[in-house]
Amino acid sequence: MLLTEGVGPRVVQERLGHARISLTLVLPDLQREAAAKVQRTLFGG
């Protein structure tokens, strides 16, 4: 959520305690994929 609000990746990484910034940058994509799967499961399409 912080990344989508314009907070810098390095700041988000530090706040979440991630050792690697790559994990911080992958999370938004994983969240979008998960939300899409939930939507398809619950509402079809």
PDB file of N, CA and C in Angstrom:
ATOM      1  N   MET A   1       0.817  -1.190   0.000  1.00  0.00           N
ATOM      2  CA  MET A   1       0.000   0.000   0.000  1.00  0.00           C
ATOM      3  C   MET A   1       0.863   1.256   0.000  1.00  0.00           C
ATOM      4  N   LEU A   2       1.956   1.198   0.743  1.00  0.00           N
ATOM      5  CA  LEU A   2       2.825   2.370   0.790  1.00  0.00           C
ATOM      6  C   LEU A   2       3.408   2.684  -0.578  1.00  0.00           C
ATOM      7  N   LEU A   3       3.803   1.651  -1.313  1.00  0.00           N
ATOM      8  CA  LEU A   3       4.363   1.876  -2.646  1.00  0.00           C
ATOM      9  C   LEU A   3       3.342   2.533  -3.564  1.00  0.00           C
ATOM     10  N   THR A   4       2.093   2.086  -3.497  1.00  0.00           N
ATOM     11  CA  THR A   4       1.063   2.667  -4.356  1.00  0.00           C
ATOM     12  C   THR A   4       0.729   4.093  -3.950  1.00  0.00           C
ATOM     13  N   GLU A   5       1.068   4.467  -2.729  1.00  0.00           N
ATOM     14  CA  GLU A   5       0.840   5.833  -2.259  1.00  0.00           C
ATOM     15  C   GLU A   5       2.041   6.742  -2.516  1.00  0.00           C
ATOM     16  N   GLY A   6       3.061   6.204  -3.182  1.00  0.00           N
ATOM     17  CA  GLY A   6       4.189   7.019  -3.572  1.00  0.00           C
ATOM     18  C   GLY A   6       5.359   7.035  -2.598  1.00  0.00           C
ATOM     19  N   VAL A   7       5.299   6.206  -1.568  1.00  0.00           N
ATOM     20  CA  VAL A   7       6.427   6.120  -0.638  1.00  0.00           C
ATOM     21  C   VAL A   7       7.550   5.370  -1.356  1.00  0.00           C
ATOM     22  N   GLY A   8       8.759   5.846  -1.216  1.00  0.00           N
ATOM     23  CA  GLY A   8       9.906   5.249  -1.896  1.00  0.00           C
ATOM     24  C   GLY A   8      10.155   3.808  -1.470  1.00  0.00           C
ATOM     25  N   PRO A   9      10.588   2.978  -2.424  1.00  0.00           N
ATOM     26  CA  PRO A   9      10.835   1.567  -2.127  1.00  0.00           C
ATOM     27  C   PRO A   9      11.818   1.339  -0.983  1.00  0.00           C
ATOM     28  N   ARG A  10      12.859   2.149  -0.887  1.00  0.00           N
ATOM     29  CA  ARG A  10      13.852   1.967   0.177  1.00  0.00           C
ATOM     30  C   ARG A  10      13.209   2.223   1.541  1.00  0.00           C
ATOM     31  N   VAL A  11      12.355   3.215   1.630  1.00  0.00           N
ATOM     32  CA  VAL A  11      11.672   3.519   2.895  1.00  0.00           C
ATOM     33  C   VAL A  11      10.750   2.363   3.275  1.00  0.00           C
ATOM     34  N   VAL A  12      10.000   1.852   2.298  1.00  0.00           N
ATOM     35  CA  VAL A  12       9.106   0.732   2.562  1.00  0.00           C
ATOM     36  C   VAL A  12       9.907  -0.484   3.000  1.00  0.00           C
ATOM     37  N   GLN A  13      11.007  -0.740   2.330  1.00  0.00           N
ATOM     38  CA  GLN A  13      11.871  -1.874   2.689  1.00  0.00           C
ATOM     39  C   GLN A  13      12.294  -1.777   4.148  1.00  0.00           C
ATOM     40  N   GLU A  14      12.733  -0.615   4.549  1.00  0.00           N
ATOM     41  CA  GLU A  14      13.185  -0.435   5.928  1.00  0.00           C
ATOM     42  C   GLU A  14      12.036  -0.585   6.919  1.00  0.00           C
ATOM     43  N   ARG A  15      10.877  -0.031   6.599  1.00  0.00           N
ATOM     44  CA  ARG A  15       9.719  -0.111   7.506  1.00  0.00           C
ATOM     45  C   ARG A  15       9.274  -1.547   7.705  1.00  0.00           C
ATOM     46  N   LEU A  16       9.332  -2.351   6.622  1.00  0.00           N
ATOM     47  CA  LEU A  16       8.883  -3.738   6.705  1.00  0.00           C
ATOM     48  C   LEU A  16       9.968  -4.691   7.184  1.00  0.00           C
ATOM     49  N   GLY A  17      11.199  -4.206   7.220  1.00  0.00           N
ATOM     50  CA  GLY A  17      12.301  -5.039   7.691  1.00  0.00           C
ATOM     51  C   GLY A  17      12.784  -6.053   6.670  1.00  0.00           C
ATOM     52  N   HIS A  18      12.556  -5.782   5.392  1.00  0.00           N
ATOM     53  CA  HIS A  18      13.020  -6.690   4.355  1.00  0.00           C
ATOM     54  C   HIS A  18      14.526  -6.556   4.174  1.00  0.00           C
ATOM     55  N   ALA A  19      15.208  -7.691   4.071  1.00  0.00           N
ATOM     56  CA  ALA A  19      16.650  -7.685   3.863  1.00  0.00           C
ATOM     57  C   ALA A  19      17.000  -7.275   2.437  1.00  0.00           C
ATOM     58  N   ARG A  20      16.124  -7.613   1.484  1.00  0.00           N
ATOM     59  CA  ARG A  20      16.369  -7.313   0.074  1.00  0.00           C
ATOM     60  C   ARG A  20      15.241  -6.460  -0.485  1.00  0.00           C
ATOM     61  N   ILE A  21      15.587  -5.472  -1.267  1.00  0.00           N
ATOM     62  CA  ILE A  21      14.570  -4.607  -1.862  1.00  0.00           C
ATOM     63  C   ILE A  21      13.755  -5.363  -2.906  1.00  0.00           C
ATOM     64  N   SER A  22      14.309  -6.425  -3.462  1.00  0.00           N
ATOM     65  CA  SER A  22      13.565  -7.203  -4.458  1.00  0.00           C
ATOM     66  C   SER A  22      12.269  -7.752  -3.876  1.00  0.00           C
ATOM     67  N   LEU A  23      12.287  -8.167  -2.629  1.00  0.00           N
ATOM     68  CA  LEU A  23      11.060  -8.645  -1.985  1.00  0.00           C
ATOM     69  C   LEU A  23      10.054  -7.514  -1.861  1.00  0.00           C
ATOM     70  N   THR A  24      10.506  -6.363  -1.472  1.00  0.00           N
ATOM     71  CA  THR A  24       9.630  -5.206  -1.320  1.00  0.00           C
ATOM     72  C   THR A  24       8.957  -4.858  -2.638  1.00  0.00           C
ATOM     73  N   LEU A  25       9.692  -4.942  -3.732  1.00  0.00           N
ATOM     74  CA  LEU A  25       9.160  -4.565  -5.034  1.00  0.00           C
ATOM     75  C   LEU A  25       8.258  -5.626  -5.643  1.00  0.00           C
ATOM     76  N   VAL A  26       8.362  -6.873  -5.205  1.00  0.00           N
ATOM     77  CA  VAL A  26       7.529  -7.955  -5.729  1.00  0.00           C
ATOM     78  C   VAL A  26       6.163  -7.972  -5.047  1.00  0.00           C
ATOM     79  N   LEU A  27       6.086  -7.544  -3.824  1.00  0.00           N
ATOM     80  CA  LEU A  27       4.843  -7.653  -3.063  1.00  0.00           C
ATOM     81  C   LEU A  27       3.620  -7.037  -3.731  1.00  0.00           C
ATOM     82  N   PRO A  28       3.692  -5.842  -4.305  1.00  0.00           N
ATOM     83  CA  PRO A  28       2.481  -5.291  -4.929  1.00  0.00           C
ATOM     84  C   PRO A  28       1.926  -6.171  -6.042  1.00  0.00           C
ATOM     85  N   ASP A  29       2.801  -6.779  -6.839  1.00  0.00           N
ATOM     86  CA  ASP A  29       2.338  -7.666  -7.899  1.00  0.00           C
ATOM     87  C   ASP A  29       1.647  -8.890  -7.322  1.00  0.00           C
ATOM     88  N   LEU A  30       2.207  -9.449  -6.270  1.00  0.00           N
ATOM     89  CA  LEU A  30       1.599 -10.615  -5.643  1.00  0.00           C
ATOM     90  C   LEU A  30       0.243 -10.268  -5.048  1.00  0.00           C
ATOM     91  N   GLN A  31       0.127  -9.092  -4.465  1.00  0.00           N
ATOM     92  CA  GLN A  31      -1.146  -8.664  -3.887  1.00  0.00           C
ATOM     93  C   GLN A  31      -2.207  -8.506  -4.974  1.00  0.00           C
ATOM     94  N   ARG A  32      -1.842  -7.910  -6.104  1.00  0.00           N
ATOM     95  CA  ARG A  32      -2.791  -7.747  -7.214  1.00  0.00           C
ATOM     96  C   ARG A  32      -3.248  -9.100  -7.734  1.00  0.00           C
ATOM     97  N   GLU A  33      -2.314 -10.027  -7.887  1.00  0.00           N
ATOM     98  CA  GLU A  33      -2.665 -11.362  -8.366  1.00  0.00           C
ATOM     99  C   GLU A  33      -3.609 -12.057  -7.396  1.00  0.00           C
ATOM    100  N   ALA A  34      -3.327 -11.957  -6.117  1.00  0.00           N
ATOM    101  CA  ALA A  34      -4.177 -12.589  -5.109  1.00  0.00           C
ATOM    102  C   ALA A  34      -5.573 -11.972  -5.117  1.00  0.00           C
ATOM    103  N   ALA A  35      -5.665 -10.658  -5.224  1.00  0.00           N
ATOM    104  CA  ALA A  35      -6.968  -9.997  -5.256  1.00  0.00           C
ATOM    105  C   ALA A  35      -7.767 -10.422  -6.480  1.00  0.00           C
ATOM    106  N   ALA A  36      -7.103 -10.548  -7.616  1.00  0.00           N
ATOM    107  CA  ALA A  36      -7.790 -10.982  -8.834  1.00  0.00           C
ATOM    108  C   ALA A  36      -8.316 -12.408  -8.689  1.00  0.00           C
ATOM    109  N   LYS A  37      -7.544 -13.279  -8.069  1.00  0.00           N
ATOM    110  CA  LYS A  37      -7.983 -14.664  -7.862  1.00  0.00           C
ATOM    111  C   LYS A  37      -9.174 -14.729  -6.926  1.00  0.00           C
ATOM    112  N   VAL A  38      -9.149 -13.947  -5.862  1.00  0.00           N
ATOM    113  CA  VAL A  38     -10.281 -13.914  -4.934  1.00  0.00           C
ATOM    114  C   VAL A  38     -11.525 -13.424  -5.663  1.00  0.00           C
ATOM    115  N   GLN A  39     -11.378 -12.378  -6.458  1.00  0.00           N
ATOM    116  CA  GLN A  39     -12.514 -11.835  -7.182  1.00  0.00           C
ATOM    117  C   GLN A  39     -13.098 -12.870  -8.142  1.00  0.00           C
ATOM    118  N   ARG A  40     -12.233 -13.561  -8.880  1.00  0.00           N
ATOM    119  CA  ARG A  40     -12.719 -14.596  -9.797  1.00  0.00           C
ATOM    120  C   ARG A  40     -13.419 -15.717  -9.057  1.00  0.00           C
ATOM    121  N   THR A  41     -12.860 -16.114  -7.928  1.00  0.00           N
ATOM    122  CA  THR A  41     -13.441 -17.201  -7.164  1.00  0.00           C
ATOM    123  C   THR A  41     -14.809 -16.838  -6.608  1.00  0.00           C
ATOM    124  N   LEU A  42     -14.918 -15.640  -6.082  1.00  0.00           N
ATOM    125  CA  LEU A  42     -16.169 -15.225  -5.452  1.00  0.00           C
ATOM    126  C   LEU A  42     -17.232 -14.764  -6.450  1.00  0.00           C
ATOM    127  N   PHE A  43     -16.804 -14.092  -7.502  1.00  0.00           N
ATOM    128  CA  PHE A  43     -17.756 -13.434  -8.385  1.00  0.00           C
ATOM    129  C   PHE A  43     -17.720 -13.933  -9.826  1.00  0.00           C
ATOM    130  N   GLY A  44     -16.843 -14.891 -10.109  1.00  0.00           N
ATOM    131  CA  GLY A  44     -16.725 -15.405 -11.466  1.00  0.00           C
ATOM    132  C   GLY A  44     -15.997 -14.435 -12.380  1.00  0.00           C
ATOM    133  N   GLY A  45     -15.686 -14.893 -13.547  1.00  0.00           N
ATOM    134  CA  GLY A  45     -15.110 -14.036 -14.565  1.00  0.00           C
ATOM    135  C   GLY A  45     -13.689 -13.810 -14.478  1.00  0.00           C
TER     136      GLY A  45
END
